[in-house]
PDB file of N, CA and C in Angstrom:
ATOM      1  N   MET A   1     104.665  80.325 197.691  1.00  0.00           N
ATOM      2  CA  MET A   1     104.127  81.656 197.443  1.00  0.00           C
ATOM      3  C   MET A   1     104.933  82.704 198.247  1.00  0.00           C
ATOM      4  N   LYS A   2     105.384  82.327 199.430  1.00  0.00           N
ATOM      5  CA  LYS A   2     106.159  83.241 200.230  1.00  0.00           C
ATOM      6  C   LYS A   2     107.507  83.575 199.546  1.00  0.00           C
ATOM      7  N   ALA A   3     108.094  82.527 198.916  1.00  0.00           N
ATOM      8  CA  ALA A   3     109.337  82.744 198.187  1.00  0.00           C
ATOM      9  C   ALA A   3     109.168  83.707 197.038  1.00  0.00           C
ATOM     10  N   PHE A   4     108.027  83.648 196.344  1.00  0.00           N
ATOM     11  CA  PHE A   4     107.733  84.564 195.260  1.00  0.00           C
ATOM     12  C   PHE A   4     107.665  85.991 195.766  1.00  0.00           C
ATOM     13  N   GLY A   5     107.042  86.207 196.905  1.00  0.00           N
ATOM     14  CA  GLY A   5     106.959  87.530 197.492  1.00  0.00           C
ATOM     15  C   GLY A   5     108.328  88.088 197.876  1.00  0.00           C
ATOM     16  N   ILE A   6     109.209  87.224 198.412  1.00  0.00           N
ATOM     17  CA  ILE A   6     110.542  87.672 198.773  1.00  0.00           C
ATOM     18  C   ILE A   6     111.354  88.015 197.505  1.00  0.00           C
ATOM     19  N   ILE A   7     111.219  87.199 196.468  1.00  0.00           N
ATOM     20  CA  ILE A   7     111.929  87.467 195.221  1.00  0.00           C
ATOM     21  C   ILE A   7     111.408  88.775 194.616  1.00  0.00           C
ATOM     22  N   ALA A   8     110.117  88.981 194.642  1.00  0.00           N
ATOM     23  CA  ALA A   8     109.491  90.229 194.086  1.00  0.00           C
ATOM     24  C   ALA A   8     109.985  91.433 194.902  1.00  0.00           C
ATOM     25  N   GLY A   9     110.050  91.298 196.211  1.00  0.00           N
ATOM     26  CA  GLY A   9     110.521  92.368 197.045  1.00  0.00           C
ATOM     27  C   GLY A   9     112.004  92.719 196.786  1.00  0.00           C
ATOM     28  N   VAL A  10     112.819  91.707 196.615  1.00  0.00           N
ATOM     29  CA  VAL A  10     114.224  91.941 196.301  1.00  0.00           C
ATOM     30  C   VAL A  10     114.325  92.629 194.923  1.00  0.00           C
ATOM     31  N   ALA A  11     113.517  92.242 193.978  1.00  0.00           N
ATOM     32  CA  ALA A  11     113.571  92.826 192.616  1.00  0.00           C
ATOM     33  C   ALA A  11     113.161  94.321 192.691  1.00  0.00           C
ATOM     34  N   VAL A  12     112.148  94.622 193.517  1.00  0.00           N
ATOM     35  CA  VAL A  12     111.722  96.024 193.677  1.00  0.00           C
ATOM     36  C   VAL A  12     112.815  96.872 194.307  1.00  0.00           C
ATOM     37  N   VAL A  13     113.421  96.323 195.344  1.00  0.00           N
ATOM     38  CA  VAL A  13     114.519  97.068 196.000  1.00  0.00           C
ATOM     39  C   VAL A  13     115.678  97.280 195.023  1.00  0.00           C
ATOM     40  N   ALA A  14     116.021  96.237 194.260  1.00  0.00           N
ATOM     41  CA  ALA A  14     117.091  96.401 193.280  1.00  0.00           C
ATOM     42  C   ALA A  14     116.750  97.461 192.230  1.00  0.00           C
ATOM     43  N   ALA A  15     115.488  97.500 191.811  1.00  0.00           N
ATOM     44  CA  ALA A  15     115.062  98.503 190.831  1.00  0.00           C
ATOM     45  C   ALA A  15     115.180  99.910 191.406  1.00  0.00           C
ATOM     46  N   VAL A  16     114.751 100.065 192.633  1.00  0.00           N
ATOM     47  CA  VAL A  16     114.822 101.389 193.312  1.00  0.00           C
ATOM     48  C   VAL A  16     116.272 101.828 193.441  1.00  0.00           C
ATOM     49  N   VAL A  17     117.145 100.931 193.888  1.00  0.00           N
ATOM     50  CA  VAL A  17     118.550 101.275 194.012  1.00  0.00           C
ATOM     51  C   VAL A  17     119.136 101.653 192.655  1.00  0.00           C
ATOM     52  N   THR A  18     118.794 100.965 191.610  1.00  0.00           N
ATOM     53  CA  THR A  18     119.269 101.265 190.261  1.00  0.00           C
ATOM     54  C   THR A  18     118.821 102.679 189.835  1.00  0.00           C
ATOM     55  N   VAL A  19     117.543 103.012 190.094  1.00  0.00           N
ATOM     56  CA  VAL A  19     117.044 104.338 189.749  1.00  0.00           C
ATOM     57  C   VAL A  19     117.759 105.403 190.523  1.00  0.00           C
ATOM     58  N   VAL A  20     117.970 105.180 191.786  1.00  0.00           N
ATOM     59  CA  VAL A  20     118.649 106.175 192.648  1.00  0.00           C
ATOM     60  C   VAL A  20     120.084 106.405 192.154  1.00  0.00           C
ATOM     61  N   ILE A  21     120.778 105.354 191.833  1.00  0.00           N
ATOM     62  CA  ILE A  21     122.140 105.482 191.306  1.00  0.00           C
ATOM     63  C   ILE A  21     122.159 106.221 189.964  1.00  0.00           C
ATOM     64  N   TYR A  22     121.242 105.867 189.089  1.00  0.00           N
ATOM     65  CA  TYR A  22     121.148 106.528 187.791  1.00  0.00           C
ATOM     66  C   TYR A  22     120.884 108.002 187.944  1.00  0.00           C
ATOM     67  N   LYS A  23     119.921 108.346 188.782  1.00  0.00           N
ATOM     68  CA  LYS A  23     119.573 109.763 189.015  1.00  0.00           C
ATOM     69  C   LYS A  23     120.720 110.496 189.665  1.00  0.00           C
ATOM     70  N   ARG A  24     121.452 109.829 190.549  1.00  0.00           N
ATOM     71  CA  ARG A  24     122.589 110.491 191.190  1.00  0.00           C
ATOM     72  C   ARG A  24     123.601 110.888 190.143  1.00  0.00           C
ATOM     73  N   ASP A  25     123.852 110.028 189.162  1.00  0.00           N
ATOM     74  CA  ASP A  25     124.785 110.369 188.090  1.00  0.00           C
ATOM     75  C   ASP A  25     124.301 111.576 187.294  1.00  0.00           C
ATOM     76  N   ASP A  26     122.984 111.587 187.009  1.00  0.00           N
ATOM     77  CA  ASP A  26     122.417 112.763 186.288  1.00  0.00           C
ATOM     78  C   ASP A  26     122.599 114.029 187.084  1.00  0.00           C
ATOM     79  N   VAL A  27     122.306 113.977 188.347  1.00  0.00           N
ATOM     80  CA  VAL A  27     122.415 115.132 189.218  1.00  0.00           C
ATOM     81  C   VAL A  27     123.868 115.600 189.313  1.00  0.00           C
ATOM     82  N   GLY A  28     124.752 114.648 189.447  1.00  0.00           N
ATOM     83  CA  GLY A  28     126.207 114.972 189.482  1.00  0.00           C
ATOM     84  C   GLY A  28     126.643 115.620 188.215  1.00  0.00           C
ATOM     85  N   GLU A  29     126.191 115.107 187.074  1.00  0.00           N
ATOM     86  CA  GLU A  29     126.543 115.701 185.792  1.00  0.00           C
ATOM     87  C   GLU A  29     125.979 117.133 185.687  1.00  0.00           C
ATOM     88  N   TYR A  30     124.782 117.332 186.119  1.00  0.00           N
ATOM     89  CA  TYR A  30     124.132 118.648 186.066  1.00  0.00           C
ATOM     90  C   TYR A  30     124.916 119.620 186.953  1.00  0.00           C
ATOM     91  N   ILE A  31     125.259 119.217 188.186  1.00  0.00           N
ATOM     92  CA  ILE A  31     126.027 120.061 189.076  1.00  0.00           C
ATOM     93  C   ILE A  31     127.385 120.409 188.492  1.00  0.00           C
ATOM     94  N   SER A  32     128.022 119.442 187.902  1.00  0.00           N
ATOM     95  CA  SER A  32     129.327 119.701 187.290  1.00  0.00           C
ATOM     96  C   SER A  32     129.201 120.704 186.153  1.00  0.00           C
ATOM     97  N   HIS A  33     128.197 120.566 185.354  1.00  0.00           N
ATOM     98  CA  HIS A  33     127.974 121.515 184.244  1.00  0.00           C
ATOM     99  C   HIS A  33     127.689 122.906 184.773  1.00  0.00           C
ATOM    100  N   GLU A  34     126.850 123.021 185.798  1.00  0.00           N
ATOM    101  CA  GLU A  34     126.530 124.307 186.404  1.00  0.00           C
ATOM    102  C   GLU A  34     127.755 124.935 187.045  1.00  0.00           C
ATOM    103  N   TYR A  35     128.573 124.099 187.696  1.00  0.00           N
ATOM    104  CA  TYR A  35     129.785 124.614 188.329  1.00  0.00           C
ATOM    105  C   TYR A  35     130.732 125.204 187.299  1.00  0.00           C
ATOM    106  N   GLU A  36     130.903 124.479 186.177  1.00  0.00           N
ATOM    107  CA  GLU A  36     131.786 125.021 185.102  1.00  0.00           C
ATOM    108  C   GLU A  36     131.233 126.333 184.573  1.00  0.00           C
ATOM    109  N   HIS A  37     129.907 126.409 184.406  1.00  0.00           N
ATOM    110  CA  HIS A  37     129.278 127.621 183.913  1.00  0.00           C
ATOM    111  C   HIS A  37     129.505 128.783 184.892  1.00  0.00           C
ATOM    112  N   LEU A  38     129.353 128.523 186.172  1.00  0.00           N
ATOM    113  CA  LEU A  38     129.571 129.578 187.177  1.00  0.00           C
ATOM    114  C   LEU A  38     131.082 130.015 187.214  1.00  0.00           C
ATOM    115  N   GLN A  39     131.963 129.027 187.068  1.00  0.00           N
ATOM    116  CA  GLN A  39     133.407 129.370 187.046  1.00  0.00           C
ATOM    117  C   GLN A  39     133.678 130.274 185.834  1.00  0.00           C
ATOM    118  N   LYS A  40     133.076 130.003 184.686  1.00  0.00           N
ATOM    119  CA  LYS A  40     133.296 130.885 183.526  1.00  0.00           C
ATOM    120  C   LYS A  40     132.740 132.257 183.771  1.00  0.00           C
ATOM    121  N   GLN A  41     131.575 132.361 184.401  1.00  0.00           N
ATOM    122  CA  GLN A  41     130.982 133.663 184.701  1.00  0.00           C
ATOM    123  C   GLN A  41     131.895 134.430 185.693  1.00  0.00           C
ATOM    124  N   ILE A  42     132.428 133.736 186.665  1.00  0.00           N
ATOM    125  CA  ILE A  42     133.319 134.402 187.637  1.00  0.00           C
ATOM    126  C   ILE A  42     134.582 134.922 186.930  1.00  0.00           C
ATOM    127  N   HIS A  43     135.128 134.069 186.089  1.00  0.00           N
ATOM    128  CA  HIS A  43     136.320 134.483 185.306  1.00  0.00           C
ATOM    129  C   HIS A  43     136.017 135.725 184.446  1.00  0.00           C
ATOM    130  N   ASP A  44     134.858 135.710 183.795  1.00  0.00           N
ATOM    131  CA  ASP A  44     134.476 136.872 182.948  1.00  0.00           C
ATOM    132  C   ASP A  44     134.296 138.137 183.802  1.00  0.00           C
ATOM    133  N   LEU A  45     133.696 138.019 184.944  1.00  0.00           N
ATOM    134  CA  LEU A  45     133.483 139.154 185.833  1.00  0.00           C
ATOM    135  C   LEU A  45     134.792 139.670 186.353  1.00  0.00           C
ATOM    136  N   GLU A  46     135.739 138.779 186.692  1.00  0.00           N
ATOM    137  CA  GLU A  46     137.046 139.200 187.140  1.00  0.00           C
ATOM    138  C   GLU A  46     137.773 139.954 186.056  1.00  0.00           C
ATOM    139  N   ALA A  47     137.661 139.488 184.817  1.00  0.00           N
ATOM    140  CA  ALA A  47     138.287 140.178 183.694  1.00  0.00           C
ATOM    141  C   ALA A  47     137.693 141.551 183.477  1.00  0.00           C
ATOM    142  N   GLN A  48     136.372 141.669 183.620  1.00  0.00           N
ATOM    143  CA  GLN A  48     135.714 142.981 183.474  1.00  0.00           C
ATOM    144  C   GLN A  48     136.147 143.895 184.567  1.00  0.00           C
ATOM    145  N   LEU A  49     136.230 143.392 185.779  1.00  0.00           N
ATOM    146  CA  LEU A  49     136.698 144.191 186.916  1.00  0.00           C
ATOM    147  C   LEU A  49     138.122 144.688 186.735  1.00  0.00           C
ATOM    148  N   GLN A  50     138.999 143.804 186.295  1.00  0.00           N
ATOM    149  CA  GLN A  50     140.369 144.165 186.021  1.00  0.00           C
ATOM    150  C   GLN A  50     140.446 145.242 184.964  1.00  0.00           C
ATOM    151  N   HIS A  51     139.654 145.061 183.893  1.00  0.00           N
ATOM    152  CA  HIS A  51     139.633 146.020 182.804  1.00  0.00           C
ATOM    153  C   HIS A  51     139.134 147.364 183.283  1.00  0.00           C
ATOM    154  N   SER A  52     138.113 147.329 184.152  1.00  0.00           N
ATOM    155  CA  SER A  52     137.557 148.561 184.707  1.00  0.00           C
ATOM    156  C   SER A  52     138.589 149.277 185.566  1.00  0.00           C
ATOM    157  N   LYS A  53     139.317 148.532 186.357  1.00  0.00           N
ATOM    158  CA  LYS A  53     140.385 149.140 187.175  1.00  0.00           C
ATOM    159  C   LYS A  53     141.464 149.773 186.331  1.00  0.00           C
ATOM    160  N   GLU A  54     141.832 149.121 185.244  1.00  0.00           N
ATOM    161  CA  GLU A  54     142.816 149.644 184.342  1.00  0.00           C
ATOM    162  C   GLU A  54     142.333 150.957 183.679  1.00  0.00           C
ATOM    163  N   ASP A  55     141.065 151.022 183.322  1.00  0.00           N
ATOM    164  CA  ASP A  55     140.519 152.237 182.731  1.00  0.00           C
ATOM    165  C   ASP A  55     140.552 153.390 183.738  1.00  0.00           C
ATOM    166  N   LYS A  56     140.246 153.119 184.965  1.00  0.00           N
ATOM    167  CA  LYS A  56     140.222 154.217 185.991  1.00  0.00           C
ATOM    168  C   LYS A  56     141.638 154.715 186.268  1.00  0.00           C
ATOM    169  N   SER A  57     142.640 153.809 186.251  1.00  0.00           N
ATOM    170  CA  SER A  57     143.972 154.241 186.607  1.00  0.00           C
ATOM    171  C   SER A  57     144.614 154.988 185.421  1.00  0.00           C
ATOM    172  N   SER A  58     144.116 154.845 184.228  1.00  0.00           N
ATOM    173  CA  SER A  58     144.703 155.530 183.064  1.00  0.00           C
ATOM    174  C   SER A  58     144.360 156.990 183.016  1.00  0.00           C
TER     175      SER A  58
END
């Protein structure tokens, strides 16, 4: 009976580790997507600022 408890405990730990790894991948993917989105926004804002500077100097 004690061996069954140990095996069940190991299985639970393995399941928790699997979920943590899976969620880490999801979070990493989300962060990567958000980073790309922010980089695009920064690029767009820089282009607007440059365009605005060109209009003022004309």
